[in-house]
Amino acid sequence: MNEQNEQQQIASALADKRGEEILIMDLSDTSSIADTFVIVTANSDVHMKTLRNAIEDTMDNYDHDYLVEGQNSTQWCLIDGGNIVVHIFSKKSRTFYNLEKIWGDTPTQRYEYEM
């Protein structure tokens, strides 16, 4: 799967599970950490687990290797797929960490839900 398609599949999986404020950030020209961050807000602890499971399923479907950090956290979970890193935040933690501001000079695309 090419990277652009992978980003869209991940964002779509998050949207299908009602993830909030989904952003795709292109870090390819500014960071060696990853090429892309996908950021999403969960509205509860259960929702955070649901979003994490959706991303794991998506990556598993494409045989994409990944690591999960913060698996039991109620504030933040990171799924590191190498070139794509997914951040799942509680509303409070998303405001606190404010990755959009830290990486504000990178091209950002807001994922729009398709009904």
N, C-alpha and C. Protein backbone atom coordinates (compact mmCIF):
# COMPACT_ATOMS: atom_id res chain seq x y z
N MET A 1 0.85 -1.18 0.00
CA MET A 1 0.00 0.00 0.00
C MET A 1 0.89 1.23 0.00
N ASN A 2 0.59 2.21 -0.87
CA ASN A 2 1.41 3.41 -0.87
C ASN A 2 1.04 4.29 0.32
N GLU A 3 1.95 5.20 0.65
CA GLU A 3 1.80 5.98 1.87
C GLU A 3 0.55 6.87 1.85
N GLN A 4 0.26 7.48 0.73
CA GLN A 4 -0.93 8.33 0.62
C GLN A 4 -2.20 7.52 0.88
N ASN A 5 -2.28 6.35 0.30
CA ASN A 5 -3.43 5.47 0.51
C ASN A 5 -3.50 5.02 1.97
N GLU A 6 -2.36 4.73 2.54
CA GLU A 6 -2.31 4.29 3.94
C GLU A 6 -2.83 5.39 4.86
N GLN A 7 -2.44 6.61 4.62
CA GLN A 7 -2.93 7.74 5.42
C GLN A 7 -4.44 7.83 5.35
N GLN A 8 -4.97 7.72 4.15
CA GLN A 8 -6.41 7.81 3.96
C GLN A 8 -7.14 6.64 4.61
N GLN A 9 -6.58 5.44 4.54
CA GLN A 9 -7.19 4.27 5.17
C GLN A 9 -7.23 4.43 6.69
N ILE A 10 -6.15 4.94 7.25
CA ILE A 10 -6.09 5.16 8.69
C ILE A 10 -7.10 6.23 9.10
N ALA A 11 -7.11 7.34 8.39
CA ALA A 11 -8.06 8.41 8.71
C ALA A 11 -9.50 7.93 8.55
N SER A 12 -9.75 7.16 7.53
CA SER A 12 -11.09 6.63 7.30
C SER A 12 -11.51 5.68 8.43
N ALA A 13 -10.59 4.84 8.89
CA ALA A 13 -10.88 3.92 9.99
C ALA A 13 -11.21 4.70 11.26
N LEU A 14 -10.49 5.79 11.50
CA LEU A 14 -10.76 6.64 12.66
C LEU A 14 -12.12 7.32 12.52
N ALA A 15 -12.42 7.80 11.33
CA ALA A 15 -13.70 8.46 11.09
C ALA A 15 -14.86 7.48 11.25
N ASP A 16 -14.67 6.25 10.78
CA ASP A 16 -15.71 5.23 10.91
C ASP A 16 -16.06 4.95 12.37
N LYS A 17 -15.09 5.16 13.25
CA LYS A 17 -15.31 4.95 14.68
C LYS A 17 -15.57 6.27 15.41
N ARG A 18 -15.90 7.29 14.65
CA ARG A 18 -16.28 8.61 15.17
C ARG A 18 -15.16 9.34 15.89
N GLY A 19 -13.91 9.13 15.42
CA GLY A 19 -12.80 9.91 15.95
C GLY A 19 -13.03 11.39 15.64
N GLU A 20 -12.61 12.25 16.52
CA GLU A 20 -12.86 13.68 16.38
C GLU A 20 -11.59 14.43 15.96
N GLU A 21 -11.79 15.48 15.19
CA GLU A 21 -10.70 16.39 14.78
C GLU A 21 -9.50 15.63 14.21
N ILE A 22 -9.72 14.86 13.19
CA ILE A 22 -8.66 14.05 12.58
C ILE A 22 -7.80 14.94 11.70
N LEU A 23 -6.50 14.95 11.98
CA LEU A 23 -5.53 15.71 11.19
C LEU A 23 -4.47 14.78 10.63
N ILE A 24 -4.04 15.05 9.41
CA ILE A 24 -2.92 14.35 8.79
C ILE A 24 -1.83 15.39 8.58
N MET A 25 -0.69 15.20 9.21
CA MET A 25 0.42 16.16 9.14
C MET A 25 1.57 15.55 8.36
N ASP A 26 2.04 16.26 7.35
CA ASP A 26 3.14 15.81 6.50
C ASP A 26 4.46 16.29 7.08
N LEU A 27 5.22 15.39 7.68
CA LEU A 27 6.50 15.73 8.30
C LEU A 27 7.69 15.35 7.43
N SER A 28 7.44 14.89 6.23
CA SER A 28 8.50 14.31 5.40
C SER A 28 9.65 15.28 5.13
N ASP A 29 9.39 16.57 5.09
CA ASP A 29 10.46 17.54 4.82
C ASP A 29 11.03 18.17 6.08
N THR A 30 10.45 17.86 7.25
CA THR A 30 10.90 18.54 8.46
C THR A 30 11.38 17.64 9.58
N SER A 31 11.19 16.33 9.47
CA SER A 31 11.52 15.47 10.59
C SER A 31 12.02 14.11 10.12
N SER A 32 12.89 13.53 10.94
CA SER A 32 13.33 12.16 10.68
C SER A 32 12.55 11.18 11.56
N ILE A 33 11.65 11.69 12.40
CA ILE A 33 10.84 10.85 13.29
C ILE A 33 9.89 9.98 12.48
N ALA A 34 9.19 10.62 11.54
CA ALA A 34 8.20 9.94 10.72
C ALA A 34 7.90 10.83 9.53
N ASP A 35 7.27 10.26 8.51
CA ASP A 35 6.82 11.05 7.37
C ASP A 35 5.48 11.70 7.65
N THR A 36 4.66 11.04 8.47
CA THR A 36 3.29 11.50 8.70
C THR A 36 2.87 11.27 10.14
N PHE A 37 2.20 12.27 10.71
CA PHE A 37 1.47 12.11 11.96
C PHE A 37 -0.01 12.13 11.61
N VAL A 38 -0.75 11.23 12.19
CA VAL A 38 -2.21 11.30 12.15
C VAL A 38 -2.62 11.53 13.61
N ILE A 39 -3.40 12.58 13.82
CA ILE A 39 -3.81 12.96 15.17
C ILE A 39 -5.33 12.89 15.25
N VAL A 40 -5.83 12.33 16.35
CA VAL A 40 -7.28 12.20 16.53
C VAL A 40 -7.60 12.37 18.02
N THR A 41 -8.80 12.84 18.29
CA THR A 41 -9.28 12.99 19.66
C THR A 41 -10.35 11.96 19.94
N ALA A 42 -10.22 11.31 21.10
CA ALA A 42 -11.22 10.36 21.59
C ALA A 42 -12.07 11.06 22.65
N ASN A 43 -13.33 10.68 22.75
CA ASN A 43 -14.21 11.35 23.71
C ASN A 43 -14.39 10.60 25.03
N SER A 44 -13.73 9.44 25.17
CA SER A 44 -13.79 8.68 26.43
C SER A 44 -12.69 7.62 26.43
N ASP A 45 -12.52 6.96 27.56
CA ASP A 45 -11.53 5.88 27.67
C ASP A 45 -11.88 4.73 26.72
N VAL A 46 -13.14 4.38 26.70
CA VAL A 46 -13.60 3.29 25.83
C VAL A 46 -13.41 3.68 24.37
N HIS A 47 -13.71 4.92 24.04
CA HIS A 47 -13.54 5.39 22.67
C HIS A 47 -12.08 5.34 22.26
N MET A 48 -11.17 5.68 23.18
CA MET A 48 -9.74 5.63 22.88
C MET A 48 -9.32 4.20 22.50
N LYS A 49 -9.81 3.23 23.25
CA LYS A 49 -9.49 1.83 22.94
C LYS A 49 -10.09 1.40 21.61
N THR A 50 -11.30 1.88 21.33
CA THR A 50 -11.96 1.56 20.06
C THR A 50 -11.15 2.11 18.89
N LEU A 51 -10.67 3.35 19.01
CA LEU A 51 -9.87 3.96 17.95
C LEU A 51 -8.55 3.21 17.79
N ARG A 52 -7.92 2.85 18.90
CA ARG A 52 -6.66 2.11 18.83
C ARG A 52 -6.87 0.78 18.12
N ASN A 53 -7.92 0.07 18.47
CA ASN A 53 -8.22 -1.22 17.83
C ASN A 53 -8.46 -1.05 16.34
N ALA A 54 -9.13 0.02 15.95
CA ALA A 54 -9.39 0.26 14.52
C ALA A 54 -8.09 0.47 13.75
N ILE A 55 -7.14 1.18 14.34
CA ILE A 55 -5.85 1.41 13.68
C ILE A 55 -5.05 0.11 13.63
N GLU A 56 -5.04 -0.63 14.72
CA GLU A 56 -4.33 -1.90 14.72
C GLU A 56 -4.90 -2.83 13.66
N ASP A 57 -6.22 -2.89 13.54
CA ASP A 57 -6.84 -3.73 12.52
C ASP A 57 -6.46 -3.28 11.12
N THR A 58 -6.45 -1.97 10.90
CA THR A 58 -6.09 -1.43 9.58
C THR A 58 -4.65 -1.79 9.24
N MET A 59 -3.74 -1.60 10.19
CA MET A 59 -2.34 -1.91 9.94
C MET A 59 -2.14 -3.42 9.76
N ASP A 60 -2.85 -4.21 10.54
CA ASP A 60 -2.77 -5.67 10.40
C ASP A 60 -3.24 -6.11 9.02
N ASN A 61 -4.30 -5.49 8.52
CA ASN A 61 -4.84 -5.85 7.20
C ASN A 61 -3.81 -5.65 6.09
N TYR A 62 -2.88 -4.72 6.29
CA TYR A 62 -1.87 -4.43 5.29
C TYR A 62 -0.49 -4.96 5.69
N ASP A 63 -0.45 -5.85 6.69
CA ASP A 63 0.81 -6.43 7.18
C ASP A 63 1.83 -5.36 7.52
N HIS A 64 1.36 -4.27 8.09
CA HIS A 64 2.23 -3.16 8.48
C HIS A 64 2.68 -3.38 9.92
N ASP A 65 3.99 -3.40 10.16
CA ASP A 65 4.52 -3.55 11.51
C ASP A 65 4.30 -2.26 12.29
N TYR A 66 4.02 -2.38 13.58
CA TYR A 66 3.80 -1.21 14.42
C TYR A 66 4.04 -1.55 15.88
N LEU A 67 4.25 -0.52 16.67
CA LEU A 67 4.38 -0.64 18.12
C LEU A 67 3.33 0.27 18.75
N VAL A 68 2.81 -0.14 19.89
CA VAL A 68 1.81 0.67 20.59
C VAL A 68 2.41 1.12 21.92
N GLU A 69 2.32 2.42 22.19
CA GLU A 69 2.73 2.98 23.48
C GLU A 69 1.51 3.60 24.13
N GLY A 70 1.43 3.54 25.45
CA GLY A 70 0.30 4.11 26.15
C GLY A 70 -0.96 3.28 26.01
N GLN A 71 -0.79 2.00 25.83
CA GLN A 71 -1.91 1.10 25.58
C GLN A 71 -2.97 1.16 26.67
N ASN A 72 -2.57 1.38 27.90
CA ASN A 72 -3.52 1.43 29.01
C ASN A 72 -3.77 2.84 29.52
N SER A 73 -3.26 3.82 28.81
CA SER A 73 -3.44 5.21 29.21
C SER A 73 -4.84 5.70 28.86
N THR A 74 -5.37 6.57 29.69
CA THR A 74 -6.66 7.20 29.40
C THR A 74 -6.48 8.58 28.77
N GLN A 75 -5.22 8.98 28.56
CA GLN A 75 -4.94 10.32 28.05
C GLN A 75 -4.32 10.34 26.65
N TRP A 76 -3.51 9.33 26.34
CA TRP A 76 -2.76 9.36 25.09
C TRP A 76 -2.33 7.95 24.71
N CYS A 77 -2.40 7.67 23.44
CA CYS A 77 -1.91 6.40 22.90
C CYS A 77 -1.19 6.72 21.60
N LEU A 78 -0.07 6.08 21.38
CA LEU A 78 0.70 6.28 20.16
C LEU A 78 0.85 4.94 19.47
N ILE A 79 0.57 4.94 18.18
CA ILE A 79 0.78 3.75 17.37
C ILE A 79 1.85 4.11 16.35
N ASP A 80 3.02 3.54 16.53
CA ASP A 80 4.18 3.87 15.71
C ASP A 80 4.33 2.85 14.60
N GLY A 81 3.97 3.26 13.40
CA GLY A 81 4.10 2.41 12.23
C GLY A 81 5.31 2.76 11.39
N GLY A 82 6.31 3.39 12.03
CA GLY A 82 7.53 3.78 11.30
C GLY A 82 7.30 5.07 10.55
N ASN A 83 6.90 4.96 9.29
CA ASN A 83 6.70 6.17 8.49
C ASN A 83 5.42 6.92 8.87
N ILE A 84 4.47 6.24 9.50
CA ILE A 84 3.23 6.86 9.95
C ILE A 84 3.06 6.62 11.45
N VAL A 85 2.84 7.71 12.19
CA VAL A 85 2.62 7.62 13.62
C VAL A 85 1.24 8.19 13.91
N VAL A 86 0.43 7.40 14.62
CA VAL A 86 -0.92 7.83 14.97
C VAL A 86 -0.95 8.18 16.46
N HIS A 87 -1.42 9.40 16.75
CA HIS A 87 -1.58 9.87 18.12
C HIS A 87 -3.08 9.91 18.42
N ILE A 88 -3.50 9.19 19.46
CA ILE A 88 -4.88 9.23 19.91
C ILE A 88 -4.87 9.92 21.28
N PHE A 89 -5.53 11.06 21.36
CA PHE A 89 -5.53 11.86 22.58
C PHE A 89 -6.92 11.96 23.19
N SER A 90 -6.95 12.12 24.52
CA SER A 90 -8.17 12.61 25.16
C SER A 90 -8.25 14.11 24.81
N LYS A 91 -9.40 14.71 25.01
CA LYS A 91 -9.54 16.14 24.70
C LYS A 91 -8.56 16.98 25.53
N LYS A 92 -8.44 16.66 26.80
CA LYS A 92 -7.55 17.39 27.70
C LYS A 92 -6.09 17.27 27.26
N SER A 93 -5.66 16.07 26.94
CA SER A 93 -4.26 15.85 26.54
C SER A 93 -3.95 16.46 25.19
N ARG A 94 -4.91 16.44 24.27
CA ARG A 94 -4.66 17.05 22.96
C ARG A 94 -4.40 18.53 23.12
N THR A 95 -5.17 19.18 23.97
CA THR A 95 -4.96 20.61 24.24
C THR A 95 -3.61 20.83 24.92
N PHE A 96 -3.28 19.97 25.88
CA PHE A 96 -2.03 20.12 26.63
C PHE A 96 -0.80 19.95 25.73
N TYR A 97 -0.76 18.88 24.95
CA TYR A 97 0.41 18.60 24.11
C TYR A 97 0.45 19.46 22.85
N ASN A 98 -0.68 19.83 22.30
CA ASN A 98 -0.81 20.76 21.20
C ASN A 98 0.20 20.51 20.06
N LEU A 99 0.21 19.29 19.57
CA LEU A 99 1.14 18.93 18.49
C LEU A 99 0.93 19.79 17.24
N GLU A 100 -0.29 20.24 17.02
CA GLU A 100 -0.56 21.10 15.86
C GLU A 100 0.28 22.37 15.93
N LYS A 101 0.48 22.90 17.13
CA LYS A 101 1.29 24.12 17.28
C LYS A 101 2.78 23.80 17.19
N ILE A 102 3.19 22.71 17.83
CA ILE A 102 4.61 22.33 17.81
C ILE A 102 5.08 22.07 16.38
N TRP A 103 4.25 21.39 15.59
CA TRP A 103 4.58 21.06 14.21
C TRP A 103 3.82 21.98 13.25
N GLY A 104 3.54 23.19 13.69
CA GLY A 104 2.70 24.12 12.94
C GLY A 104 3.21 24.52 11.58
N ASP A 105 4.49 24.32 11.32
CA ASP A 105 5.05 24.72 10.02
C ASP A 105 4.98 23.60 8.98
N THR A 106 4.32 22.51 9.33
CA THR A 106 4.20 21.38 8.39
C THR A 106 2.85 21.44 7.67
N PRO A 107 2.80 20.96 6.45
CA PRO A 107 1.51 20.90 5.74
C PRO A 107 0.54 19.99 6.51
N THR A 108 -0.66 20.48 6.72
CA THR A 108 -1.67 19.75 7.50
C THR A 108 -2.96 19.66 6.72
N GLN A 109 -3.55 18.49 6.77
CA GLN A 109 -4.83 18.27 6.11
C GLN A 109 -5.83 17.78 7.16
N ARG A 110 -6.95 18.47 7.25
CA ARG A 110 -8.03 18.02 8.13
C ARG A 110 -8.83 16.97 7.37
N TYR A 111 -9.00 15.81 7.98
CA TYR A 111 -9.75 14.74 7.32
C TYR A 111 -11.23 15.04 7.45
N GLU A 112 -11.90 15.07 6.34
CA GLU A 112 -13.34 15.34 6.31
C GLU A 112 -14.09 14.03 6.21
N TYR A 113 -15.09 13.87 7.03
CA TYR A 113 -15.91 12.67 7.00
C TYR A 113 -16.70 12.61 5.72
N GLU A 114 -16.81 11.42 5.19
CA GLU A 114 -17.65 11.20 4.00
C GLU A 114 -18.85 10.39 4.44
N MET A 115 -20.01 10.96 4.33
CA MET A 115 -21.24 10.28 4.76
C MET A 115 -21.85 9.52 3.61
